[in-house]
N, C-alpha and C. Protein backbone atom coordinates (compact mmCIF):
# COMPACT_ATOMS: atom_id res chain seq x y z
N MET A 1 0.84 -1.17 0.00
CA MET A 1 0.00 0.00 0.00
C MET A 1 0.88 1.23 0.00
N LYS A 2 0.57 2.18 -0.84
CA LYS A 2 1.35 3.41 -0.93
C LYS A 2 0.52 4.58 -0.41
N ILE A 3 1.10 5.35 0.49
CA ILE A 3 0.45 6.56 0.99
C ILE A 3 1.09 7.74 0.26
N GLU A 4 0.30 8.39 -0.59
CA GLU A 4 0.86 9.45 -1.42
C GLU A 4 0.88 10.80 -0.72
N ASP A 5 -0.14 11.13 0.03
CA ASP A 5 -0.19 12.39 0.75
C ASP A 5 0.01 12.11 2.23
N THR A 6 0.82 12.91 2.90
CA THR A 6 0.99 12.75 4.34
C THR A 6 0.80 14.09 5.02
N GLY A 7 0.42 14.02 6.28
CA GLY A 7 0.25 15.23 7.06
C GLY A 7 -0.98 16.04 6.69
N THR A 8 -2.00 15.38 6.17
CA THR A 8 -3.21 16.09 5.79
C THR A 8 -4.40 15.46 6.51
N PHE A 9 -5.56 16.05 6.33
CA PHE A 9 -6.76 15.48 6.92
C PHE A 9 -7.16 14.16 6.27
N LYS A 10 -6.52 13.79 5.17
CA LYS A 10 -6.77 12.50 4.56
C LYS A 10 -6.33 11.36 5.48
N HIS A 11 -5.51 11.69 6.47
CA HIS A 11 -4.96 10.68 7.37
C HIS A 11 -5.52 10.78 8.78
N VAL A 12 -6.63 11.47 8.92
CA VAL A 12 -7.25 11.64 10.23
C VAL A 12 -8.28 10.53 10.42
N PHE A 13 -8.13 9.77 11.50
CA PHE A 13 -9.09 8.73 11.83
C PHE A 13 -10.32 9.32 12.50
N ALA A 14 -10.09 10.25 13.43
CA ALA A 14 -11.20 10.84 14.17
C ALA A 14 -10.77 12.17 14.76
N VAL A 15 -11.75 13.02 14.97
CA VAL A 15 -11.55 14.26 15.72
C VAL A 15 -12.48 14.17 16.91
N VAL A 16 -11.92 14.27 18.10
CA VAL A 16 -12.71 14.16 19.32
C VAL A 16 -12.77 15.53 19.98
N GLN A 17 -13.97 15.99 20.22
CA GLN A 17 -14.16 17.27 20.90
C GLN A 17 -14.86 17.01 22.22
N PHE A 18 -14.44 17.75 23.24
CA PHE A 18 -15.06 17.59 24.55
C PHE A 18 -14.91 18.88 25.34
N VAL A 19 -15.70 19.01 26.38
CA VAL A 19 -15.63 20.17 27.27
C VAL A 19 -15.24 19.70 28.66
N PHE A 20 -14.70 20.60 29.44
CA PHE A 20 -14.23 20.26 30.77
C PHE A 20 -14.24 21.52 31.63
N ASP A 21 -14.25 21.32 32.93
CA ASP A 21 -14.26 22.44 33.86
C ASP A 21 -12.93 22.61 34.58
N THR A 22 -12.17 21.53 34.71
CA THR A 22 -10.91 21.59 35.45
C THR A 22 -9.81 20.90 34.68
N LYS A 23 -8.59 21.19 35.05
CA LYS A 23 -7.44 20.52 34.44
C LYS A 23 -7.50 19.02 34.69
N GLU A 24 -7.93 18.62 35.88
CA GLU A 24 -8.02 17.21 36.22
C GLU A 24 -9.02 16.50 35.32
N GLU A 25 -10.16 17.15 35.10
CA GLU A 25 -11.18 16.58 34.22
C GLU A 25 -10.66 16.49 32.78
N PHE A 26 -9.94 17.50 32.34
CA PHE A 26 -9.34 17.51 31.01
C PHE A 26 -8.39 16.33 30.85
N LEU A 27 -7.46 16.17 31.81
CA LEU A 27 -6.48 15.08 31.73
C LEU A 27 -7.14 13.71 31.84
N ALA A 28 -8.14 13.59 32.69
CA ALA A 28 -8.86 12.31 32.83
C ALA A 28 -9.58 11.96 31.52
N THR A 29 -10.15 12.95 30.85
CA THR A 29 -10.83 12.71 29.59
C THR A 29 -9.84 12.26 28.53
N LEU A 30 -8.68 12.90 28.47
CA LEU A 30 -7.64 12.47 27.54
C LEU A 30 -7.24 11.03 27.80
N ASP A 31 -7.05 10.69 29.06
CA ASP A 31 -6.71 9.30 29.41
C ASP A 31 -7.79 8.33 28.96
N ASP A 32 -9.05 8.69 29.19
CA ASP A 32 -10.16 7.83 28.78
C ASP A 32 -10.19 7.63 27.27
N ILE A 33 -9.93 8.69 26.54
CA ILE A 33 -9.90 8.59 25.07
C ILE A 33 -8.81 7.62 24.64
N HIS A 34 -7.62 7.76 25.23
CA HIS A 34 -6.51 6.89 24.84
C HIS A 34 -6.71 5.44 25.31
N LYS A 35 -7.49 5.24 26.33
CA LYS A 35 -7.79 3.88 26.78
C LYS A 35 -8.89 3.23 25.95
N THR A 36 -9.71 4.05 25.30
CA THR A 36 -10.90 3.56 24.60
C THR A 36 -10.69 3.37 23.09
N ILE A 37 -10.03 4.32 22.46
CA ILE A 37 -9.88 4.29 21.00
C ILE A 37 -8.52 3.69 20.65
N HIS A 38 -8.56 2.63 19.86
CA HIS A 38 -7.32 1.97 19.43
C HIS A 38 -7.37 1.76 17.92
N VAL A 39 -6.28 2.14 17.27
CA VAL A 39 -6.11 1.90 15.84
C VAL A 39 -4.78 1.17 15.71
N LYS A 40 -4.82 -0.01 15.12
CA LYS A 40 -3.60 -0.83 15.01
C LYS A 40 -3.25 -1.02 13.54
N ASP A 41 -1.94 -1.09 13.27
CA ASP A 41 -1.51 -1.39 11.92
C ASP A 41 -1.57 -2.90 11.70
N THR A 42 -1.16 -3.34 10.54
CA THR A 42 -1.27 -4.76 10.21
C THR A 42 -0.39 -5.65 11.07
N ASP A 43 0.59 -5.05 11.75
CA ASP A 43 1.46 -5.81 12.65
C ASP A 43 0.98 -5.75 14.10
N GLY A 44 -0.13 -5.07 14.34
CA GLY A 44 -0.68 -4.96 15.69
C GLY A 44 -0.12 -3.82 16.52
N ASN A 45 0.65 -2.94 15.90
CA ASN A 45 1.22 -1.78 16.61
C ASN A 45 0.18 -0.67 16.71
N GLU A 46 0.12 -0.05 17.88
CA GLU A 46 -0.80 1.08 18.10
C GLU A 46 -0.38 2.25 17.23
N MET A 47 -1.33 2.84 16.54
CA MET A 47 -1.04 3.96 15.65
C MET A 47 -1.47 5.30 16.22
N ILE A 48 -2.19 5.31 17.34
CA ILE A 48 -2.58 6.56 17.99
C ILE A 48 -1.64 6.77 19.17
N ASN A 49 -0.92 7.87 19.12
CA ASN A 49 0.03 8.18 20.19
C ASN A 49 -0.25 9.56 20.74
N ARG A 50 -0.10 9.70 22.03
CA ARG A 50 -0.22 11.02 22.64
C ARG A 50 1.05 11.78 22.25
N ILE A 51 0.87 12.90 21.58
CA ILE A 51 2.03 13.58 21.01
C ILE A 51 2.42 14.86 21.76
N PHE A 52 1.85 15.07 22.92
CA PHE A 52 2.25 16.24 23.69
C PHE A 52 2.21 15.92 25.17
N ASP A 53 2.96 16.71 25.90
CA ASP A 53 2.98 16.60 27.36
C ASP A 53 1.86 17.49 27.88
N ALA A 54 0.78 16.87 28.34
CA ALA A 54 -0.42 17.62 28.73
C ALA A 54 -0.13 18.63 29.82
N ASP A 55 0.70 18.29 30.80
CA ASP A 55 1.00 19.24 31.86
C ASP A 55 1.75 20.46 31.32
N LYS A 56 2.72 20.23 30.46
CA LYS A 56 3.49 21.33 29.89
C LYS A 56 2.66 22.18 28.94
N GLU A 57 1.91 21.53 28.06
CA GLU A 57 1.15 22.23 27.04
C GLU A 57 -0.04 23.00 27.61
N THR A 58 -0.53 22.61 28.76
CA THR A 58 -1.72 23.26 29.33
C THR A 58 -1.39 24.23 30.45
N ALA A 59 -0.13 24.39 30.79
CA ALA A 59 0.26 25.23 31.93
C ALA A 59 -0.30 26.65 31.82
N ASP A 60 -0.14 27.28 30.66
CA ASP A 60 -0.64 28.64 30.48
C ASP A 60 -2.15 28.69 30.45
N PHE A 61 -2.77 27.71 29.84
CA PHE A 61 -4.22 27.68 29.70
C PHE A 61 -4.91 27.61 31.07
N PHE A 62 -4.36 26.82 31.97
CA PHE A 62 -4.99 26.63 33.28
C PHE A 62 -4.45 27.57 34.35
N SER A 63 -3.60 28.50 33.98
CA SER A 63 -3.05 29.41 35.00
C SER A 63 -3.95 30.60 35.28
N CYS A 64 -5.05 30.72 34.59
CA CYS A 64 -5.99 31.85 34.78
C CYS A 64 -6.69 31.75 36.12
């Protein structure tokens, strides 16, 4: 199989949107998503990876 385009929405499996009131609820929801949704390649390797450090990336957002 050849993938001709990369890094586009052609390669998006899902977009998950959610609301939250606290940082704890936000992080718990992210954990639940990663525990629930699994996409595996033909060798059984997980293809969905958490690509950011939630504590670092959300520090400014939750400092209000």
